[in-house]
């Protein structure tokens, strides 16, 4: 199988309900925007672990110093689509 191209750090990805999980097998029911820090394989080939920040972390008043604020499973199809839109 050919490796899929994943979004690079700093890519902003929108995830909708049903496109991500809070933990394996636990579907999320909200939409979010995530600024990617890193993407990692998971036990389920349909999902990848994503570490990232919400857009609010980039606000001047946020003073976010954490390496990442979000750790979630995102459908690989969503991530490859975001990667294909990168310049």
N, C-alpha and C. Protein backbone atom coordinates (compact mmCIF):
# COMPACT_ATOMS: atom_id res chain seq x y z
N UNK A 1 0.85 -1.18 0.00
CA UNK A 1 0.00 0.00 0.00
C UNK A 1 0.89 1.24 0.00
N UNK A 2 0.50 2.25 -0.74
CA UNK A 2 1.23 3.50 -0.85
C UNK A 2 0.90 4.39 0.35
N UNK A 3 1.94 5.01 0.92
CA UNK A 3 1.73 5.93 2.04
C UNK A 3 0.96 7.15 1.55
N UNK A 4 0.02 7.59 2.35
CA UNK A 4 -0.76 8.77 2.00
C UNK A 4 -0.06 10.02 2.52
N UNK A 5 -0.21 11.11 1.79
CA UNK A 5 0.37 12.38 2.20
C UNK A 5 -0.53 13.01 3.26
N UNK A 6 0.09 13.39 4.37
CA UNK A 6 -0.62 14.00 5.49
C UNK A 6 -0.32 15.50 5.53
N UNK A 7 -1.19 16.27 6.16
CA UNK A 7 -0.94 17.71 6.26
C UNK A 7 0.33 18.01 7.07
N UNK A 8 1.01 19.05 6.69
CA UNK A 8 2.23 19.45 7.39
C UNK A 8 1.87 20.28 8.62
N UNK A 9 2.82 20.38 9.58
CA UNK A 9 2.57 21.23 10.75
C UNK A 9 2.18 22.64 10.33
N UNK A 10 1.20 23.19 11.02
CA UNK A 10 0.70 24.52 10.72
C UNK A 10 -0.52 24.54 9.83
N UNK A 11 -0.83 23.40 9.20
CA UNK A 11 -2.01 23.32 8.35
C UNK A 11 -3.26 23.42 9.21
N UNK A 12 -4.20 24.21 8.78
CA UNK A 12 -5.48 24.35 9.48
C UNK A 12 -6.49 23.39 8.84
N UNK A 13 -7.06 22.51 9.67
CA UNK A 13 -8.00 21.49 9.20
C UNK A 13 -9.33 21.66 9.93
N UNK A 14 -10.42 21.66 9.17
CA UNK A 14 -11.76 21.67 9.75
C UNK A 14 -12.27 20.25 9.83
N UNK A 15 -12.73 19.86 11.01
CA UNK A 15 -13.32 18.53 11.19
C UNK A 15 -14.76 18.70 11.64
N UNK A 16 -15.64 17.92 11.02
CA UNK A 16 -17.06 17.96 11.35
C UNK A 16 -17.45 16.74 12.16
N UNK A 17 -18.62 16.79 12.72
CA UNK A 17 -19.16 15.64 13.45
C UNK A 17 -19.06 14.41 12.57
N UNK A 18 -18.61 13.31 13.13
CA UNK A 18 -18.47 12.07 12.39
C UNK A 18 -17.14 11.91 11.68
N UNK A 19 -16.33 12.97 11.64
CA UNK A 19 -15.02 12.90 10.98
C UNK A 19 -13.88 12.70 11.97
N UNK A 20 -14.20 12.72 13.25
CA UNK A 20 -13.15 12.56 14.25
C UNK A 20 -13.69 11.85 15.48
N UNK A 21 -12.78 11.38 16.31
CA UNK A 21 -13.13 10.67 17.54
C UNK A 21 -12.30 11.23 18.70
N UNK A 22 -12.90 11.22 19.87
CA UNK A 22 -12.18 11.66 21.07
C UNK A 22 -11.27 10.55 21.59
N UNK A 23 -11.63 9.31 21.32
CA UNK A 23 -10.88 8.11 21.69
C UNK A 23 -11.32 7.02 20.72
N UNK A 24 -10.56 5.94 20.59
CA UNK A 24 -10.96 4.89 19.65
C UNK A 24 -12.39 4.42 19.89
N UNK A 25 -13.21 4.51 18.84
CA UNK A 25 -14.60 4.07 18.91
C UNK A 25 -15.58 5.05 19.51
N UNK A 26 -15.10 6.25 19.90
CA UNK A 26 -15.97 7.26 20.51
C UNK A 26 -16.12 8.43 19.54
N UNK A 27 -17.18 8.36 18.73
CA UNK A 27 -17.40 9.41 17.73
C UNK A 27 -17.70 10.75 18.37
N UNK A 28 -17.18 11.81 17.76
CA UNK A 28 -17.43 13.17 18.22
C UNK A 28 -18.62 13.74 17.47
N UNK A 29 -19.33 14.67 18.10
CA UNK A 29 -20.58 15.19 17.54
C UNK A 29 -20.56 16.70 17.35
N UNK A 30 -19.36 17.28 17.28
CA UNK A 30 -19.22 18.72 17.09
C UNK A 30 -18.22 18.98 15.97
N UNK A 31 -18.16 20.21 15.53
CA UNK A 31 -17.18 20.62 14.52
C UNK A 31 -16.11 21.47 15.19
N UNK A 32 -14.89 21.35 14.68
CA UNK A 32 -13.76 22.12 15.22
C UNK A 32 -12.79 22.46 14.11
N UNK A 33 -11.97 23.45 14.37
CA UNK A 33 -10.86 23.79 13.50
C UNK A 33 -9.60 23.52 14.31
N UNK A 34 -8.67 22.79 13.69
CA UNK A 34 -7.44 22.40 14.36
C UNK A 34 -6.26 22.87 13.53
N UNK A 35 -5.29 23.49 14.20
CA UNK A 35 -4.01 23.81 13.57
C UNK A 35 -3.07 22.65 13.89
N UNK A 36 -2.67 21.91 12.86
CA UNK A 36 -1.90 20.68 13.03
C UNK A 36 -0.51 20.96 13.61
N UNK A 37 -0.16 20.19 14.63
CA UNK A 37 1.21 20.15 15.14
C UNK A 37 1.91 18.92 14.56
N UNK A 38 1.23 17.75 14.64
CA UNK A 38 1.78 16.53 14.07
C UNK A 38 0.67 15.51 13.84
N UNK A 39 0.95 14.54 12.96
CA UNK A 39 0.01 13.48 12.62
C UNK A 39 0.73 12.15 12.79
N UNK A 40 0.05 11.18 13.42
CA UNK A 40 0.65 9.88 13.73
C UNK A 40 -0.32 8.76 13.40
N UNK A 41 0.22 7.60 13.03
CA UNK A 41 -0.60 6.43 12.76
C UNK A 41 -1.36 6.00 14.01
N UNK A 42 -2.49 5.35 13.81
CA UNK A 42 -3.25 4.78 14.92
C UNK A 42 -3.46 3.30 14.65
N UNK A 43 -4.11 2.63 15.58
CA UNK A 43 -4.41 1.19 15.43
C UNK A 43 -5.39 0.94 14.30
N UNK A 44 -6.21 1.93 13.99
CA UNK A 44 -7.24 1.82 12.96
C UNK A 44 -6.74 2.55 11.71
N UNK A 45 -6.54 1.85 10.60
CA UNK A 45 -6.00 2.52 9.40
C UNK A 45 -6.92 3.60 8.82
N UNK A 46 -8.16 3.66 9.25
CA UNK A 46 -9.08 4.70 8.77
C UNK A 46 -8.88 6.02 9.50
N UNK A 47 -8.15 6.00 10.62
CA UNK A 47 -7.94 7.19 11.45
C UNK A 47 -6.46 7.39 11.73
N UNK A 48 -6.08 8.65 11.96
CA UNK A 48 -4.74 9.00 12.42
C UNK A 48 -4.87 9.88 13.65
N UNK A 49 -3.91 9.75 14.56
CA UNK A 49 -3.86 10.65 15.71
C UNK A 49 -3.37 12.01 15.25
N UNK A 50 -4.03 13.05 15.68
CA UNK A 50 -3.63 14.42 15.36
C UNK A 50 -3.39 15.16 16.66
N UNK A 51 -2.24 15.81 16.74
CA UNK A 51 -1.94 16.71 17.85
C UNK A 51 -2.01 18.11 17.26
N UNK A 52 -2.66 19.01 17.97
CA UNK A 52 -2.79 20.36 17.42
C UNK A 52 -3.30 21.37 18.42
N UNK A 53 -3.58 22.53 17.91
CA UNK A 53 -4.10 23.66 18.68
C UNK A 53 -5.37 24.15 18.01
N UNK A 54 -6.24 24.76 18.79
CA UNK A 54 -7.37 25.48 18.24
C UNK A 54 -6.90 26.85 17.79
N UNK A 55 -7.63 27.50 16.90
CA UNK A 55 -7.22 28.83 16.41
C UNK A 55 -7.05 29.84 17.55
N UNK A 56 -7.80 29.66 18.62
CA UNK A 56 -7.71 30.59 19.75
C UNK A 56 -6.33 30.59 20.40
N UNK A 57 -5.56 29.53 20.22
CA UNK A 57 -4.20 29.47 20.78
C UNK A 57 -3.27 30.47 20.11
N UNK A 58 -3.61 30.93 18.92
CA UNK A 58 -2.75 31.89 18.21
C UNK A 58 -3.11 33.34 18.53
N UNK A 59 -4.17 33.54 19.29
CA UNK A 59 -4.53 34.90 19.67
C UNK A 59 -3.41 35.50 20.51
N UNK A 60 -3.17 36.77 20.33
CA UNK A 60 -2.12 37.46 21.08
C UNK A 60 -2.33 37.33 22.59
N UNK A 61 -3.57 37.33 23.03
CA UNK A 61 -3.86 37.26 24.46
C UNK A 61 -3.82 35.83 25.02
N UNK A 62 -3.67 34.82 24.16
CA UNK A 62 -3.77 33.43 24.61
C UNK A 62 -2.56 32.99 25.41
N UNK A 63 -1.37 33.34 24.99
CA UNK A 63 -0.14 32.94 25.67
C UNK A 63 -0.08 31.42 25.85
N UNK A 64 -0.46 30.67 24.82
CA UNK A 64 -0.43 29.20 24.87
C UNK A 64 1.00 28.71 24.68
N UNK A 65 1.51 28.01 25.67
CA UNK A 65 2.88 27.48 25.61
C UNK A 65 2.91 25.96 25.55
N UNK A 66 1.74 25.33 25.52
CA UNK A 66 1.68 23.87 25.47
C UNK A 66 2.15 23.36 24.10
N UNK A 67 2.79 22.18 24.07
CA UNK A 67 3.19 21.63 22.77
C UNK A 67 1.99 21.35 21.87
N UNK A 68 0.86 20.97 22.47
CA UNK A 68 -0.40 20.81 21.76
C UNK A 68 -1.53 20.84 22.79
N UNK A 69 -2.70 21.26 22.34
CA UNK A 69 -3.88 21.35 23.21
C UNK A 69 -4.92 20.29 22.88
N UNK A 70 -4.86 19.76 21.66
CA UNK A 70 -5.83 18.76 21.20
C UNK A 70 -5.09 17.49 20.82
N UNK A 71 -5.65 16.36 21.22
CA UNK A 71 -5.19 15.05 20.79
C UNK A 71 -6.44 14.28 20.39
N UNK A 72 -6.59 14.04 19.10
CA UNK A 72 -7.80 13.39 18.62
C UNK A 72 -7.52 12.52 17.42
N UNK A 73 -8.45 11.62 17.16
CA UNK A 73 -8.37 10.76 15.98
C UNK A 73 -9.18 11.40 14.87
N UNK A 74 -8.57 11.56 13.70
CA UNK A 74 -9.23 12.18 12.56
C UNK A 74 -9.21 11.18 11.40
N UNK A 75 -10.30 11.13 10.66
CA UNK A 75 -10.37 10.24 9.50
C UNK A 75 -9.24 10.58 8.52
N UNK A 76 -8.55 9.56 8.06
CA UNK A 76 -7.44 9.74 7.14
C UNK A 76 -7.89 10.45 5.87
N UNK A 77 -9.10 10.16 5.40
CA UNK A 77 -9.60 10.82 4.19
C UNK A 77 -9.69 12.34 4.37
N UNK A 78 -10.06 12.79 5.56
CA UNK A 78 -10.14 14.23 5.84
C UNK A 78 -8.73 14.83 5.80
N UNK A 79 -7.77 14.12 6.38
CA UNK A 79 -6.40 14.61 6.43
C UNK A 79 -5.75 14.64 5.04
N UNK A 80 -5.97 13.61 4.25
CA UNK A 80 -5.37 13.60 2.90
C UNK A 80 -5.99 14.69 2.02
N UNK A 81 -7.29 14.95 2.21
CA UNK A 81 -7.93 16.03 1.46
C UNK A 81 -7.32 17.37 1.85
N UNK A 82 -7.06 17.58 3.15
CA UNK A 82 -6.44 18.83 3.60
C UNK A 82 -5.03 18.94 3.05
N UNK A 83 -4.30 17.83 3.01
CA UNK A 83 -2.93 17.85 2.48
C UNK A 83 -2.91 18.19 0.99
N UNK A 84 -3.91 17.72 0.27
CA UNK A 84 -3.95 17.98 -1.18
C UNK A 84 -4.25 19.45 -1.48
N UNK A 85 -4.78 20.18 -0.52
CA UNK A 85 -5.09 21.60 -0.71
C UNK A 85 -3.92 22.50 -0.32
N UNK A 86 -2.85 21.93 0.24
CA UNK A 86 -1.69 22.71 0.64
C UNK A 86 -0.97 23.22 -0.60
N UNK A 87 -0.37 24.41 -0.50
CA UNK A 87 0.37 24.95 -1.66
C UNK A 87 1.61 24.14 -1.96
